[in-house]
Every structure is written in structure tokens, then in C-alpha cells.
Amino acid sequence: MKVTVSHLSEMKFEAKTEKSSFIIDAPQISPLEYFLSGIISCSATDMVMIPKNQGKTVSNLVISGDAIRNEDFPKKFNTLHLDYNFNSDADDIVAARWVMASLETYCSTINTIRDSVAVSYSITHNGKKIKENEKIISGGGLKIDMGKIESCPS
């Protein structure tokens, strides 16, 4: 993957990818807002494609992200909470599995940050809250406490 960003004027830039291009209008939208939008869009595409591959459909999909950043520089993300709200023709267990598959396996952007950012999520499926403030399995940020780990006997 290759992206080239060129300065146009003032705080406007053009990003060219191998497939297309778009304008970055900072500070109207900050680079971190673009970054968070990319993270959410990555998972949103999974939330359409995974069900489709299973012969199911998702409608009214809305994913909101709320990131908390360092107060001092570098002002990186410390925590990220994603709120999934959608309808589908699947049961709640399958719907939750789609979200977890996106977060744990398929979404490259989340998998890029999850070692340094504590990621959590909530799911509202068909109007019913089915998960609230769940943590992704491997998204503990830098403060992961694995506890005492027993080794297998030799």
C-alpha cells in the first residue's frame, strides 16, 4: 500500500492512493479525526461483508467511536470505545460474532493499534442492547495484566 500526500494551500492537502485521491482539509477535520474515521470505516466494511458472505443482511448500520487521548504530547489514543448499532436478519449471538470477528481478526486498522490502545465496544442489535462496554480479547493497551501464568508440566 502506498499513499502520497501533497500540500495544496494553507492547511489543505491531497492524498493520493493507488486507487483514488481525496482532499484533507485540516484543521476543519484533523488528521486524528480522519484516522478515527478510517478505523470505524474498516470495521463498518466488515459489518457489511461478513454477513453478506453468510447470506445475511445488515441494515441501518451506525458505528460511533469515542477516543480518549493523552493530554500531553504525543497526544495518542489511550482508549477507544466503539458503539455498534444495526439491524439484521440474524440472531443476537451471530450478530455479536460479526462484531468480534471484525475487531479481533479482520479489521486491519484496529489490529494495528490494539497493542497500545485499550479497545472496548457495545452492541445494539435490532433495537436491543446485547453487549455493553466489552473489551476486545487482546486490546488491553500497554497495561495488560496477564496475571500469573502456569507453564505446562514437562
N, C-alpha and C. Protein backbone atom coordinates (compact mmCIF):
# COMPACT_ATOMS: atom_id res chain seq x y z
N MET A 1 0.85 -1.17 0.00
CA MET A 1 0.00 0.00 0.00
C MET A 1 0.90 1.23 0.00
N LYS A 2 0.53 2.19 -0.83
CA LYS A 2 1.28 3.42 -0.89
C LYS A 2 0.31 4.60 -0.96
N VAL A 3 0.58 5.63 -0.15
CA VAL A 3 -0.19 6.86 -0.16
C VAL A 3 0.79 8.01 -0.22
N THR A 4 0.48 9.00 -1.06
CA THR A 4 1.30 10.21 -1.17
C THR A 4 0.43 11.40 -0.82
N VAL A 5 0.92 12.27 0.07
CA VAL A 5 0.18 13.46 0.47
C VAL A 5 0.96 14.68 -0.01
N SER A 6 0.25 15.54 -0.74
CA SER A 6 0.87 16.76 -1.29
C SER A 6 0.17 17.99 -0.73
N HIS A 7 0.94 19.02 -0.40
CA HIS A 7 0.39 20.27 0.10
C HIS A 7 -0.24 21.03 -1.06
N LEU A 8 -1.48 21.50 -0.88
CA LEU A 8 -2.17 22.27 -1.91
C LEU A 8 -2.12 23.76 -1.59
N SER A 9 -2.63 24.12 -0.41
CA SER A 9 -2.64 25.52 0.02
C SER A 9 -2.98 25.56 1.50
N GLU A 10 -2.51 26.59 2.17
CA GLU A 10 -2.77 26.76 3.60
C GLU A 10 -2.69 25.41 4.32
N MET A 11 -3.81 24.91 4.83
CA MET A 11 -3.82 23.62 5.53
C MET A 11 -4.61 22.57 4.75
N LYS A 12 -4.57 22.65 3.42
CA LYS A 12 -5.23 21.66 2.56
C LYS A 12 -4.18 20.81 1.89
N PHE A 13 -4.48 19.50 1.85
CA PHE A 13 -3.56 18.53 1.28
C PHE A 13 -4.35 17.57 0.40
N GLU A 14 -3.69 17.00 -0.59
CA GLU A 14 -4.31 15.96 -1.40
C GLU A 14 -3.61 14.66 -1.10
N ALA A 15 -4.41 13.65 -0.75
CA ALA A 15 -3.89 12.31 -0.52
C ALA A 15 -4.19 11.47 -1.76
N LYS A 16 -3.15 10.89 -2.33
CA LYS A 16 -3.32 10.02 -3.50
C LYS A 16 -2.97 8.59 -3.09
N THR A 17 -3.92 7.71 -3.33
CA THR A 17 -3.70 6.29 -3.09
C THR A 17 -3.47 5.61 -4.43
N GLU A 18 -3.26 4.32 -4.41
CA GLU A 18 -3.08 3.58 -5.67
C GLU A 18 -4.38 3.52 -6.46
N LYS A 19 -5.52 3.78 -5.79
CA LYS A 19 -6.82 3.65 -6.46
C LYS A 19 -7.55 4.96 -6.66
N SER A 20 -7.27 5.98 -5.83
CA SER A 20 -8.06 7.19 -5.88
C SER A 20 -7.31 8.33 -5.19
N SER A 21 -8.05 9.42 -4.93
CA SER A 21 -7.47 10.54 -4.19
C SER A 21 -8.58 11.25 -3.44
N PHE A 22 -8.18 12.02 -2.40
CA PHE A 22 -9.13 12.81 -1.65
C PHE A 22 -8.41 13.99 -1.02
N ILE A 23 -9.20 15.00 -0.66
CA ILE A 23 -8.65 16.21 -0.07
C ILE A 23 -8.73 16.13 1.45
N ILE A 24 -7.65 16.46 2.10
CA ILE A 24 -7.59 16.55 3.56
C ILE A 24 -7.63 18.04 3.89
N ASP A 25 -8.68 18.46 4.58
CA ASP A 25 -8.88 19.86 4.90
C ASP A 25 -8.67 20.08 6.39
N ALA A 26 -7.40 20.15 6.79
CA ALA A 26 -7.08 20.41 8.20
C ALA A 26 -7.05 21.92 8.39
N PRO A 27 -7.48 22.49 9.44
CA PRO A 27 -7.99 21.86 10.66
C PRO A 27 -9.50 21.61 10.67
N GLN A 28 -10.22 21.82 9.54
CA GLN A 28 -11.66 21.51 9.51
C GLN A 28 -11.89 20.11 10.05
N ILE A 29 -11.13 19.18 9.55
CA ILE A 29 -11.12 17.81 10.05
C ILE A 29 -9.67 17.49 10.35
N SER A 30 -9.38 17.17 11.60
CA SER A 30 -7.99 16.92 11.98
C SER A 30 -7.51 15.57 11.45
N PRO A 31 -6.20 15.40 11.30
CA PRO A 31 -5.68 14.10 10.88
C PRO A 31 -6.14 12.96 11.80
N LEU A 32 -6.27 13.23 13.11
CA LEU A 32 -6.74 12.17 14.01
C LEU A 32 -8.21 11.84 13.78
N GLU A 33 -9.01 12.82 13.36
CA GLU A 33 -10.41 12.53 13.02
C GLU A 33 -10.47 11.69 11.74
N TYR A 34 -9.60 11.98 10.77
CA TYR A 34 -9.51 11.12 9.58
C TYR A 34 -9.10 9.71 9.99
N PHE A 35 -8.12 9.61 10.89
CA PHE A 35 -7.63 8.32 11.36
C PHE A 35 -8.75 7.53 12.04
N LEU A 36 -9.48 8.18 12.95
CA LEU A 36 -10.58 7.50 13.63
C LEU A 36 -11.68 7.12 12.64
N SER A 37 -11.94 7.97 11.67
CA SER A 37 -12.92 7.63 10.62
C SER A 37 -12.48 6.41 9.84
N GLY A 38 -11.18 6.30 9.58
CA GLY A 38 -10.65 5.13 8.88
C GLY A 38 -10.81 3.86 9.69
N ILE A 39 -10.56 3.96 11.00
CA ILE A 39 -10.73 2.81 11.89
C ILE A 39 -12.18 2.34 11.85
N ILE A 40 -13.10 3.29 12.00
CA ILE A 40 -14.53 2.94 12.02
C ILE A 40 -14.97 2.41 10.65
N SER A 41 -14.51 3.03 9.57
CA SER A 41 -14.89 2.57 8.23
C SER A 41 -14.39 1.16 7.96
N CYS A 42 -13.22 0.84 8.48
CA CYS A 42 -12.68 -0.51 8.32
C CYS A 42 -13.63 -1.54 8.93
N SER A 43 -14.05 -1.30 10.15
CA SER A 43 -14.96 -2.22 10.82
C SER A 43 -16.34 -2.20 10.15
N ALA A 44 -16.78 -1.04 9.68
CA ALA A 44 -18.08 -0.95 9.01
C ALA A 44 -18.12 -1.81 7.74
N THR A 45 -17.02 -1.82 6.99
CA THR A 45 -17.00 -2.66 5.79
C THR A 45 -17.08 -4.14 6.17
N ASP A 46 -16.42 -4.52 7.26
CA ASP A 46 -16.54 -5.90 7.75
C ASP A 46 -17.98 -6.22 8.12
N MET A 47 -18.65 -5.25 8.74
CA MET A 47 -20.02 -5.46 9.21
C MET A 47 -21.03 -5.56 8.07
N VAL A 48 -20.62 -5.22 6.88
CA VAL A 48 -21.46 -5.44 5.70
C VAL A 48 -21.04 -6.74 5.00
N MET A 49 -19.72 -6.96 4.88
CA MET A 49 -19.21 -8.10 4.11
C MET A 49 -19.36 -9.44 4.84
N ILE A 50 -19.06 -9.50 6.13
CA ILE A 50 -19.15 -10.78 6.85
C ILE A 50 -20.56 -11.35 6.78
N PRO A 51 -21.60 -10.56 7.12
CA PRO A 51 -22.97 -11.11 6.99
C PRO A 51 -23.32 -11.48 5.55
N LYS A 52 -22.90 -10.65 4.60
CA LYS A 52 -23.20 -10.93 3.19
C LYS A 52 -22.63 -12.28 2.78
N ASN A 53 -21.40 -12.57 3.23
CA ASN A 53 -20.78 -13.86 2.91
C ASN A 53 -21.50 -15.03 3.56
N GLN A 54 -22.32 -14.76 4.57
CA GLN A 54 -23.11 -15.80 5.25
C GLN A 54 -24.56 -15.81 4.78
N GLY A 55 -24.85 -15.03 3.73
CA GLY A 55 -26.22 -14.98 3.21
C GLY A 55 -27.16 -14.16 4.09
N LYS A 56 -26.60 -13.28 4.91
CA LYS A 56 -27.40 -12.43 5.80
C LYS A 56 -27.24 -10.97 5.38
N THR A 57 -28.10 -10.11 5.92
CA THR A 57 -28.01 -8.68 5.61
C THR A 57 -27.99 -7.85 6.88
N VAL A 58 -27.30 -6.74 6.79
CA VAL A 58 -27.25 -5.75 7.87
C VAL A 58 -27.85 -4.47 7.31
N SER A 59 -28.68 -3.81 8.11
CA SER A 59 -29.25 -2.52 7.70
C SER A 59 -29.13 -1.53 8.85
N ASN A 60 -29.29 -0.27 8.51
CA ASN A 60 -29.24 0.83 9.49
C ASN A 60 -27.99 0.79 10.36
N LEU A 61 -26.86 0.43 9.76
CA LEU A 61 -25.59 0.33 10.49
C LEU A 61 -25.06 1.72 10.83
N VAL A 62 -24.80 1.94 12.11
CA VAL A 62 -24.15 3.16 12.59
C VAL A 62 -23.11 2.72 13.62
N ILE A 63 -21.86 3.13 13.41
CA ILE A 63 -20.79 2.85 14.37
C ILE A 63 -20.22 4.18 14.82
N SER A 64 -20.24 4.42 16.11
CA SER A 64 -19.67 5.63 16.69
C SER A 64 -18.40 5.26 17.43
N GLY A 65 -17.41 6.12 17.33
CA GLY A 65 -16.16 5.90 18.05
C GLY A 65 -15.86 7.06 18.98
N ASP A 66 -15.39 6.74 20.17
CA ASP A 66 -15.01 7.76 21.14
C ASP A 66 -13.62 7.42 21.65
N ALA A 67 -12.65 8.25 21.29
CA ALA A 67 -11.26 8.02 21.70
C ALA A 67 -10.86 9.02 22.77
N ILE A 68 -10.15 8.54 23.76
CA ILE A 68 -9.57 9.42 24.78
C ILE A 68 -8.07 9.45 24.53
N ARG A 69 -7.53 10.66 24.49
CA ARG A 69 -6.13 10.86 24.12
C ARG A 69 -5.31 11.36 25.31
N ASN A 70 -4.00 11.23 25.19
CA ASN A 70 -3.09 11.83 26.16
C ASN A 70 -3.33 13.33 26.20
N GLU A 71 -3.16 13.93 27.38
CA GLU A 71 -3.26 15.38 27.48
C GLU A 71 -1.98 16.05 27.00
N ASP A 72 -0.86 15.36 27.15
CA ASP A 72 0.43 15.90 26.72
C ASP A 72 0.89 15.21 25.44
N PHE A 73 1.86 15.82 24.78
CA PHE A 73 2.40 15.26 23.54
C PHE A 73 3.26 14.05 23.85
N PRO A 74 3.19 13.02 23.03
CA PRO A 74 2.30 12.89 21.88
C PRO A 74 0.88 12.57 22.34
N LYS A 75 -0.07 13.22 21.75
CA LYS A 75 -1.47 13.09 22.17
C LYS A 75 -2.11 11.88 21.48
N LYS A 76 -1.54 10.73 21.73
CA LYS A 76 -2.02 9.49 21.11
C LYS A 76 -3.28 8.99 21.80
N PHE A 77 -3.96 8.06 21.14
CA PHE A 77 -5.13 7.43 21.74
C PHE A 77 -4.70 6.56 22.91
N ASN A 78 -5.41 6.66 24.02
CA ASN A 78 -5.22 5.75 25.15
C ASN A 78 -6.32 4.69 25.16
N THR A 79 -7.56 5.15 24.95
CA THR A 79 -8.69 4.23 24.91
C THR A 79 -9.54 4.55 23.68
N LEU A 80 -10.23 3.53 23.21
CA LEU A 80 -11.17 3.69 22.10
C LEU A 80 -12.38 2.83 22.40
N HIS A 81 -13.56 3.47 22.40
CA HIS A 81 -14.81 2.73 22.57
C HIS A 81 -15.60 2.85 21.28
N LEU A 82 -16.03 1.72 20.75
CA LEU A 82 -16.84 1.66 19.54
C LEU A 82 -18.24 1.20 19.91
N ASP A 83 -19.23 1.93 19.42
CA ASP A 83 -20.62 1.62 19.69
C ASP A 83 -21.28 1.21 18.38
N TYR A 84 -21.63 -0.07 18.27
CA TYR A 84 -22.25 -0.63 17.07
C TYR A 84 -23.76 -0.63 17.25
N ASN A 85 -24.48 -0.11 16.26
CA ASN A 85 -25.93 -0.10 16.28
C ASN A 85 -26.39 -0.53 14.89
N PHE A 86 -27.10 -1.65 14.81
CA PHE A 86 -27.54 -2.14 13.50
C PHE A 86 -28.69 -3.13 13.65
N ASN A 87 -29.36 -3.36 12.54
CA ASN A 87 -30.40 -4.37 12.44
C ASN A 87 -29.90 -5.45 11.50
N SER A 88 -30.39 -6.67 11.69
CA SER A 88 -30.03 -7.75 10.77
C SER A 88 -31.07 -8.85 10.84
N ASP A 89 -30.94 -9.80 9.92
CA ASP A 89 -31.83 -10.96 9.90
C ASP A 89 -31.17 -12.16 10.59
N ALA A 90 -30.22 -11.89 11.48
CA ALA A 90 -29.55 -12.95 12.25
C ALA A 90 -29.95 -12.80 13.72
N ASP A 91 -29.64 -13.84 14.51
CA ASP A 91 -29.91 -13.74 15.95
C ASP A 91 -28.80 -12.95 16.63
N ASP A 92 -28.99 -12.64 17.90
CA ASP A 92 -28.06 -11.79 18.64
C ASP A 92 -26.66 -12.41 18.76
N ILE A 93 -26.59 -13.72 18.92
CA ILE A 93 -25.29 -14.39 19.05
C ILE A 93 -24.48 -14.24 17.78
N VAL A 94 -25.10 -14.47 16.65
CA VAL A 94 -24.41 -14.33 15.36
C VAL A 94 -24.01 -12.88 15.14
N ALA A 95 -24.89 -11.96 15.45
CA ALA A 95 -24.59 -10.53 15.27
C ALA A 95 -23.38 -10.13 16.11
N ALA A 96 -23.31 -10.59 17.35
CA ALA A 96 -22.16 -10.28 18.21
C ALA A 96 -20.89 -10.90 17.65
N ARG A 97 -20.99 -12.08 17.07
CA ARG A 97 -19.82 -12.73 16.46
C ARG A 97 -19.28 -11.92 15.29
N TRP A 98 -20.16 -11.29 14.53
CA TRP A 98 -19.69 -10.45 13.43
C TRP A 98 -18.83 -9.31 13.95
N VAL A 99 -19.30 -8.66 15.01
CA VAL A 99 -18.55 -7.55 15.60
C VAL A 99 -17.20 -8.06 16.11
N MET A 100 -17.22 -9.16 16.85
CA MET A 100 -15.97 -9.69 17.40
C MET A 100 -15.01 -10.14 16.31
N ALA A 101 -15.53 -10.70 15.22
CA ALA A 101 -14.66 -11.10 14.10
C ALA A 101 -13.99 -9.89 13.48
N SER A 102 -14.74 -8.81 13.33
CA SER A 102 -14.16 -7.59 12.80
C SER A 102 -13.06 -7.08 13.71
N LEU A 103 -13.36 -6.97 15.02
CA LEU A 103 -12.42 -6.40 15.97
C LEU A 103 -11.19 -7.27 16.19
N GLU A 104 -11.37 -8.57 16.28
CA GLU A 104 -10.27 -9.46 16.63
C GLU A 104 -9.47 -9.97 15.43
N THR A 105 -10.10 -10.02 14.25
CA THR A 105 -9.44 -10.68 13.12
C THR A 105 -9.33 -9.82 11.88
N TYR A 106 -10.44 -9.30 11.39
CA TYR A 106 -10.46 -8.75 10.05
C TYR A 106 -10.09 -7.28 9.92
N CYS A 107 -10.40 -6.45 10.88
CA CYS A 107 -10.17 -5.01 10.73
C CYS A 107 -8.69 -4.69 10.97
N SER A 108 -7.98 -4.42 9.90
CA SER A 108 -6.53 -4.17 9.98
C SER A 108 -6.19 -2.93 10.79
N THR A 109 -7.02 -1.89 10.71
CA THR A 109 -6.69 -0.67 11.44
C THR A 109 -6.78 -0.88 12.95
N ILE A 110 -7.81 -1.58 13.40
CA ILE A 110 -7.93 -1.87 14.83
C ILE A 110 -6.80 -2.79 15.27
N ASN A 111 -6.48 -3.77 14.44
CA ASN A 111 -5.40 -4.68 14.79
C ASN A 111 -4.05 -3.97 14.80
N THR A 112 -3.93 -2.85 14.11
CA THR A 112 -2.69 -2.07 14.12
C THR A 112 -2.51 -1.33 15.43
N ILE A 113 -3.60 -0.89 16.05
CA ILE A 113 -3.48 -0.07 17.27
C ILE A 113 -3.77 -0.82 18.56
N ARG A 114 -4.31 -2.01 18.51
CA ARG A 114 -4.84 -2.63 19.72
C ARG A 114 -3.79 -2.99 20.77
N ASP A 115 -2.52 -3.08 20.41
CA ASP A 115 -1.49 -3.36 21.41
C ASP A 115 -1.17 -2.14 22.26
N SER A 116 -1.51 -0.96 21.77
CA SER A 116 -1.20 0.25 22.54
C SER A 116 -2.44 1.04 22.96
N VAL A 117 -3.62 0.61 22.54
CA VAL A 117 -4.86 1.30 22.86
C VAL A 117 -5.84 0.29 23.46
N ALA A 118 -6.42 0.62 24.60
CA ALA A 118 -7.44 -0.24 25.20
C ALA A 118 -8.74 -0.04 24.42
N VAL A 119 -9.19 -1.10 23.74
CA VAL A 119 -10.36 -1.01 22.87
C VAL A 119 -11.54 -1.74 23.53
N SER A 120 -12.69 -1.06 23.56
CA SER A 120 -13.91 -1.66 24.07
C SER A 120 -15.04 -1.41 23.07
N TYR A 121 -16.15 -2.12 23.28
CA TYR A 121 -17.27 -1.96 22.35
C TYR A 121 -18.59 -2.25 23.04
N SER A 122 -19.66 -1.72 22.45
CA SER A 122 -21.04 -2.01 22.83
C SER A 122 -21.79 -2.33 21.55
N ILE A 123 -22.84 -3.15 21.68
CA ILE A 123 -23.62 -3.53 20.50
C ILE A 123 -25.11 -3.37 20.81
N THR A 124 -25.81 -2.66 19.93
CA THR A 124 -27.27 -2.63 19.94
C THR A 124 -27.71 -3.30 18.65
N HIS A 125 -28.41 -4.42 18.78
CA HIS A 125 -28.82 -5.22 17.62
C HIS A 125 -30.34 -5.31 17.59
N ASN A 126 -30.92 -4.91 16.48
CA ASN A 126 -32.39 -4.91 16.33
C ASN A 126 -33.07 -4.18 17.48
N GLY A 127 -32.47 -3.04 17.88
CA GLY A 127 -33.05 -2.20 18.90
C GLY A 127 -32.81 -2.65 20.34
N LYS A 128 -32.06 -3.74 20.53
CA LYS A 128 -31.82 -4.28 21.87
C LYS A 128 -30.32 -4.26 22.18
N LYS A 129 -29.96 -3.70 23.34
CA LYS A 129 -28.55 -3.68 23.76
C LYS A 129 -28.15 -5.11 24.12
N ILE A 130 -27.17 -5.67 23.37
CA ILE A 130 -26.77 -7.05 23.63
C ILE A 130 -25.37 -7.15 24.23
N LYS A 131 -24.56 -6.10 24.11
CA LYS A 131 -23.23 -6.04 24.73
C LYS A 131 -23.01 -4.62 25.20
N GLU A 132 -22.41 -4.48 26.39
CA GLU A 132 -22.17 -3.14 26.95
C GLU A 132 -20.74 -3.07 27.48
N ASN A 133 -19.94 -2.18 26.94
CA ASN A 133 -18.57 -1.93 27.40
C ASN A 133 -17.72 -3.18 27.51
N GLU A 134 -17.80 -4.03 26.50
CA GLU A 134 -16.96 -5.23 26.44
C GLU A 134 -15.57 -4.84 25.96
N LYS A 135 -14.57 -5.54 26.44
CA LYS A 135 -13.19 -5.30 25.98
C LYS A 135 -12.85 -6.35 24.94
N ILE A 136 -12.10 -5.94 23.91
CA ILE A 136 -11.67 -6.96 22.96
C ILE A 136 -10.62 -7.82 23.65
N ILE A 137 -10.53 -9.05 23.23
CA ILE A 137 -9.71 -10.05 23.91
C ILE A 137 -8.26 -9.60 24.05
N SER A 138 -7.70 -9.06 23.00
CA SER A 138 -6.28 -8.72 23.05
C SER A 138 -6.03 -7.22 23.05
N GLY A 139 -7.06 -6.42 23.34
CA GLY A 139 -6.90 -4.97 23.28
C GLY A 139 -6.77 -4.33 24.64
N GLY A 140 -5.71 -4.64 25.35
CA GLY A 140 -5.57 -4.09 26.68
C GLY A 140 -4.68 -2.87 26.73
N GLY A 141 -4.20 -2.42 25.58
CA GLY A 141 -3.26 -1.32 25.60
C GLY A 141 -1.94 -1.77 26.19
N LEU A 142 -1.16 -0.84 26.67
CA LEU A 142 0.15 -1.16 27.21
C LEU A 142 0.08 -1.73 28.62
N LYS A 143 -1.04 -1.63 29.29
CA LYS A 143 -1.16 -2.07 30.67
C LYS A 143 -1.88 -3.41 30.75
N ILE A 144 -1.40 -4.39 30.02
CA ILE A 144 -2.02 -5.70 30.03
C ILE A 144 -1.49 -6.49 31.22
N ASP A 145 -2.40 -6.95 32.10
CA ASP A 145 -2.01 -7.78 33.23
C ASP A 145 -2.44 -9.20 32.91
N MET A 146 -1.48 -10.04 32.59
CA MET A 146 -1.78 -11.43 32.26
C MET A 146 -1.87 -12.29 33.52
N GLY A 147 -1.58 -11.70 34.68
CA GLY A 147 -1.61 -12.48 35.91
C GLY A 147 -0.49 -13.50 35.91
N LYS A 148 -0.56 -14.43 36.83
CA LYS A 148 0.45 -15.47 36.90
C LYS A 148 0.09 -16.54 35.87
N ILE A 149 1.04 -16.88 35.04
CA ILE A 149 0.80 -17.86 34.00
C ILE A 149 1.53 -19.15 34.38
N GLU A 150 0.79 -20.22 34.50
CA GLU A 150 1.37 -21.53 34.81
C GLU A 150 1.86 -22.16 33.53
N SER A 151 3.01 -22.78 33.59
CA SER A 151 3.50 -23.47 32.41
C SER A 151 3.02 -24.92 32.43
N CYS A 152 3.06 -25.55 31.29
CA CYS A 152 2.67 -26.94 31.21
C CYS A 152 3.74 -27.79 31.89
N PRO A 153 3.35 -28.83 32.60
CA PRO A 153 4.36 -29.67 33.23
C PRO A 153 5.18 -30.39 32.16
N SER A 154 6.46 -30.54 32.43
CA SER A 154 7.35 -31.22 31.48
C SER A 154 7.23 -32.70 31.61
